[in-house]
């Protein structure tokens, strides 16, 4: 099983893929306007390499001002404030 780490920042997104503890793939791309679209682009690029949601475990982090559902009360800066 693959392990995928994704970091979507305000200007760049990075992903690293491990298989059996070895680094097998990295990605670096511009974030653009939507973190959700960026995540979808990353999933698509990985799927082209045979790395799918069925054979990989994912973890993600990033900087954001809310999510695509409209909730904006739990962004990164807010969580720092509440500890």
N, C-alpha and C. Protein backbone atom coordinates (compact mmCIF):
# COMPACT_ATOMS: atom_id res chain seq x y z
N UNK A 1 0.84 -1.19 0.00
CA UNK A 1 0.00 0.00 0.00
C UNK A 1 0.89 1.24 0.00
N UNK A 2 0.47 2.23 -0.76
CA UNK A 2 1.17 3.50 -0.81
C UNK A 2 0.75 4.38 0.36
N UNK A 3 1.64 5.28 0.76
CA UNK A 3 1.32 6.32 1.72
C UNK A 3 1.56 7.65 1.01
N UNK A 4 0.56 8.53 1.05
CA UNK A 4 0.63 9.79 0.33
C UNK A 4 0.45 10.93 1.32
N UNK A 5 1.39 11.86 1.30
CA UNK A 5 1.29 13.07 2.10
C UNK A 5 1.11 14.26 1.17
N UNK A 6 0.13 15.10 1.48
CA UNK A 6 -0.18 16.26 0.64
C UNK A 6 -0.17 17.52 1.51
N UNK A 7 0.47 18.56 1.01
CA UNK A 7 0.46 19.87 1.67
C UNK A 7 0.02 20.90 0.63
N UNK A 8 -1.15 21.48 0.85
CA UNK A 8 -1.65 22.50 -0.06
C UNK A 8 -1.51 23.85 0.64
N UNK A 9 -0.56 24.64 0.18
CA UNK A 9 -0.31 25.94 0.75
C UNK A 9 -1.00 27.04 -0.04
N UNK A 10 -0.72 28.27 0.33
CA UNK A 10 -1.39 29.40 -0.32
C UNK A 10 -0.88 29.63 -1.73
N UNK A 11 0.32 29.19 -2.06
CA UNK A 11 0.82 29.39 -3.42
C UNK A 11 1.35 28.13 -4.09
N UNK A 12 1.66 27.11 -3.32
CA UNK A 12 2.18 25.87 -3.90
C UNK A 12 1.61 24.66 -3.17
N UNK A 13 1.50 23.57 -3.90
CA UNK A 13 1.06 22.30 -3.33
C UNK A 13 2.15 21.27 -3.56
N UNK A 14 2.38 20.45 -2.55
CA UNK A 14 3.40 19.42 -2.62
C UNK A 14 2.79 18.09 -2.21
N UNK A 15 3.28 17.04 -2.85
CA UNK A 15 2.85 15.70 -2.47
C UNK A 15 4.06 14.78 -2.51
N UNK A 16 4.09 13.84 -1.59
CA UNK A 16 5.13 12.83 -1.54
C UNK A 16 4.46 11.47 -1.40
N UNK A 17 4.96 10.49 -2.13
CA UNK A 17 4.39 9.15 -2.11
C UNK A 17 5.48 8.17 -1.69
N UNK A 18 5.14 7.37 -0.69
CA UNK A 18 6.02 6.30 -0.21
C UNK A 18 5.41 4.96 -0.56
N UNK A 19 6.27 4.00 -0.83
CA UNK A 19 5.84 2.62 -1.00
C UNK A 19 6.87 1.75 -0.28
N UNK A 20 6.41 1.01 0.72
CA UNK A 20 7.29 0.20 1.55
C UNK A 20 8.42 1.03 2.15
N UNK A 21 8.08 2.25 2.56
CA UNK A 21 9.04 3.13 3.23
C UNK A 21 10.00 3.86 2.31
N UNK A 22 9.87 3.67 1.00
CA UNK A 22 10.76 4.33 0.05
C UNK A 22 10.01 5.39 -0.73
N UNK A 23 10.64 6.55 -0.91
CA UNK A 23 10.06 7.63 -1.69
C UNK A 23 10.01 7.22 -3.15
N UNK A 24 8.80 7.22 -3.73
CA UNK A 24 8.66 6.79 -5.12
C UNK A 24 8.14 7.89 -6.04
N UNK A 25 7.60 8.98 -5.49
CA UNK A 25 7.04 10.03 -6.34
C UNK A 25 6.91 11.32 -5.53
N UNK A 26 7.20 12.43 -6.17
CA UNK A 26 6.93 13.74 -5.58
C UNK A 26 6.24 14.61 -6.62
N UNK A 27 5.44 15.53 -6.15
CA UNK A 27 4.77 16.50 -7.01
C UNK A 27 4.93 17.88 -6.41
N UNK A 28 5.03 18.87 -7.28
CA UNK A 28 5.07 20.27 -6.87
C UNK A 28 4.31 21.05 -7.93
N UNK A 29 3.25 21.75 -7.52
CA UNK A 29 2.47 22.51 -8.49
C UNK A 29 1.89 23.76 -7.84
N UNK A 30 1.54 24.73 -8.68
CA UNK A 30 0.90 25.95 -8.19
C UNK A 30 -0.46 25.60 -7.61
N UNK A 31 -0.82 26.29 -6.53
CA UNK A 31 -2.10 26.02 -5.88
C UNK A 31 -3.27 26.57 -6.68
N UNK A 32 -3.15 27.77 -7.20
CA UNK A 32 -4.29 28.35 -7.90
C UNK A 32 -5.30 28.89 -6.91
N UNK A 33 -6.52 29.08 -7.35
CA UNK A 33 -7.54 29.73 -6.54
C UNK A 33 -8.21 28.78 -5.55
N UNK A 34 -8.35 27.52 -5.92
CA UNK A 34 -9.13 26.58 -5.12
C UNK A 34 -8.28 25.42 -4.62
N UNK A 35 -8.22 25.27 -3.31
CA UNK A 35 -7.54 24.12 -2.74
C UNK A 35 -8.19 22.81 -3.14
N UNK A 36 -9.52 22.80 -3.25
CA UNK A 36 -10.24 21.58 -3.67
C UNK A 36 -9.84 21.19 -5.09
N UNK A 37 -9.78 22.17 -6.00
CA UNK A 37 -9.36 21.86 -7.37
C UNK A 37 -7.92 21.36 -7.40
N UNK A 38 -7.08 21.95 -6.58
CA UNK A 38 -5.69 21.51 -6.52
C UNK A 38 -5.61 20.07 -6.03
N UNK A 39 -6.38 19.73 -5.00
CA UNK A 39 -6.40 18.35 -4.50
C UNK A 39 -6.88 17.40 -5.59
N UNK A 40 -7.91 17.79 -6.32
CA UNK A 40 -8.41 16.95 -7.41
C UNK A 40 -7.35 16.74 -8.49
N UNK A 41 -6.59 17.79 -8.79
CA UNK A 41 -5.50 17.67 -9.77
C UNK A 41 -4.45 16.68 -9.27
N UNK A 42 -4.10 16.76 -7.99
CA UNK A 42 -3.12 15.84 -7.42
C UNK A 42 -3.63 14.41 -7.49
N UNK A 43 -4.89 14.18 -7.08
CA UNK A 43 -5.47 12.83 -7.16
C UNK A 43 -5.41 12.31 -8.59
N UNK A 44 -5.75 13.16 -9.57
CA UNK A 44 -5.73 12.75 -10.97
C UNK A 44 -4.33 12.38 -11.44
N UNK A 45 -3.34 13.19 -11.07
CA UNK A 45 -1.96 12.90 -11.47
C UNK A 45 -1.49 11.58 -10.87
N UNK A 46 -1.85 11.34 -9.62
CA UNK A 46 -1.44 10.10 -8.97
C UNK A 46 -2.16 8.90 -9.57
N UNK A 47 -3.44 9.06 -9.90
CA UNK A 47 -4.18 7.96 -10.50
C UNK A 47 -3.57 7.55 -11.84
N UNK A 48 -3.05 8.52 -12.60
CA UNK A 48 -2.38 8.20 -13.86
C UNK A 48 -1.15 7.32 -13.63
N UNK A 49 -0.59 7.40 -12.43
CA UNK A 49 0.59 6.59 -12.06
C UNK A 49 0.19 5.28 -11.39
N UNK A 50 -1.13 5.02 -11.30
CA UNK A 50 -1.61 3.80 -10.67
C UNK A 50 -1.76 3.89 -9.16
N UNK A 51 -1.66 5.10 -8.62
CA UNK A 51 -1.81 5.32 -7.18
C UNK A 51 -3.22 5.85 -6.96
N UNK A 52 -4.08 5.01 -6.40
CA UNK A 52 -5.50 5.32 -6.29
C UNK A 52 -5.95 5.36 -4.83
N UNK A 53 -7.16 5.80 -4.63
CA UNK A 53 -7.72 5.83 -3.28
C UNK A 53 -7.90 4.43 -2.71
N UNK A 54 -7.94 3.44 -3.59
CA UNK A 54 -8.10 2.06 -3.14
C UNK A 54 -6.79 1.43 -2.69
N UNK A 55 -5.65 1.91 -3.19
CA UNK A 55 -4.38 1.28 -2.82
C UNK A 55 -3.42 2.24 -2.11
N UNK A 56 -3.98 3.32 -1.57
CA UNK A 56 -3.12 4.31 -0.89
C UNK A 56 -3.83 4.87 0.34
N UNK A 57 -3.03 5.21 1.34
CA UNK A 57 -3.53 5.93 2.52
C UNK A 57 -3.05 7.37 2.38
N UNK A 58 -3.94 8.32 2.62
CA UNK A 58 -3.65 9.73 2.42
C UNK A 58 -3.68 10.49 3.73
N UNK A 59 -2.80 11.48 3.84
CA UNK A 59 -2.85 12.46 4.91
C UNK A 59 -2.59 13.81 4.25
N UNK A 60 -3.28 14.84 4.71
CA UNK A 60 -3.13 16.15 4.08
C UNK A 60 -3.12 17.25 5.13
N UNK A 61 -2.44 18.32 4.80
CA UNK A 61 -2.40 19.51 5.63
C UNK A 61 -2.36 20.71 4.70
N UNK A 62 -2.49 21.87 5.27
CA UNK A 62 -2.41 23.05 4.43
C UNK A 62 -2.87 24.29 5.13
N UNK A 63 -2.73 25.37 4.42
CA UNK A 63 -3.12 26.68 4.89
C UNK A 63 -4.37 27.07 4.15
N UNK A 64 -5.41 27.43 4.89
CA UNK A 64 -6.64 27.77 4.19
C UNK A 64 -7.51 28.71 4.99
N UNK A 65 -8.43 29.28 4.30
CA UNK A 65 -9.42 30.16 4.90
C UNK A 65 -10.78 29.52 4.76
N UNK A 66 -10.99 28.45 5.46
CA UNK A 66 -12.25 27.73 5.36
C UNK A 66 -12.14 26.61 4.34
N UNK A 67 -13.24 25.95 4.13
CA UNK A 67 -13.25 24.85 3.17
C UNK A 67 -14.27 25.14 2.07
N UNK A 68 -14.38 24.22 1.15
CA UNK A 68 -15.25 24.41 0.00
C UNK A 68 -16.73 24.32 0.35
N UNK A 69 -17.06 23.94 1.57
CA UNK A 69 -18.47 23.86 1.95
C UNK A 69 -18.98 25.19 2.50
N UNK A 70 -18.09 26.17 2.61
CA UNK A 70 -18.51 27.48 3.10
C UNK A 70 -18.23 27.69 4.57
N UNK A 71 -17.83 26.66 5.27
CA UNK A 71 -17.49 26.81 6.68
C UNK A 71 -16.16 27.54 6.79
N UNK A 72 -16.12 28.64 7.54
CA UNK A 72 -14.89 29.40 7.61
C UNK A 72 -14.47 29.69 9.05
N UNK A 73 -14.95 28.89 9.99
CA UNK A 73 -14.64 29.16 11.39
C UNK A 73 -13.55 28.26 11.95
N UNK A 74 -12.92 27.44 11.13
CA UNK A 74 -11.91 26.52 11.65
C UNK A 74 -10.67 26.50 10.76
N UNK A 75 -10.28 27.65 10.26
CA UNK A 75 -9.07 27.68 9.45
C UNK A 75 -7.84 27.56 10.35
N UNK A 76 -6.67 27.49 9.73
CA UNK A 76 -5.43 27.27 10.47
C UNK A 76 -5.18 28.36 11.50
N UNK A 77 -5.38 29.62 11.14
CA UNK A 77 -5.13 30.71 12.08
C UNK A 77 -6.06 30.64 13.29
N UNK A 78 -7.31 30.27 13.05
CA UNK A 78 -8.26 30.14 14.16
C UNK A 78 -7.83 29.04 15.12
N UNK A 79 -7.36 27.93 14.59
CA UNK A 79 -6.97 26.82 15.48
C UNK A 79 -5.74 27.20 16.31
N UNK A 80 -4.85 28.03 15.76
CA UNK A 80 -3.73 28.52 16.56
C UNK A 80 -4.23 29.37 17.70
N UNK A 81 -5.24 30.17 17.48
CA UNK A 81 -5.77 31.07 18.50
C UNK A 81 -6.36 30.31 19.66
N UNK A 82 -7.05 29.20 19.39
CA UNK A 82 -7.72 28.49 20.47
C UNK A 82 -6.82 27.43 21.11
N UNK A 83 -5.63 27.23 20.53
CA UNK A 83 -4.66 26.31 21.12
C UNK A 83 -4.97 24.91 20.82
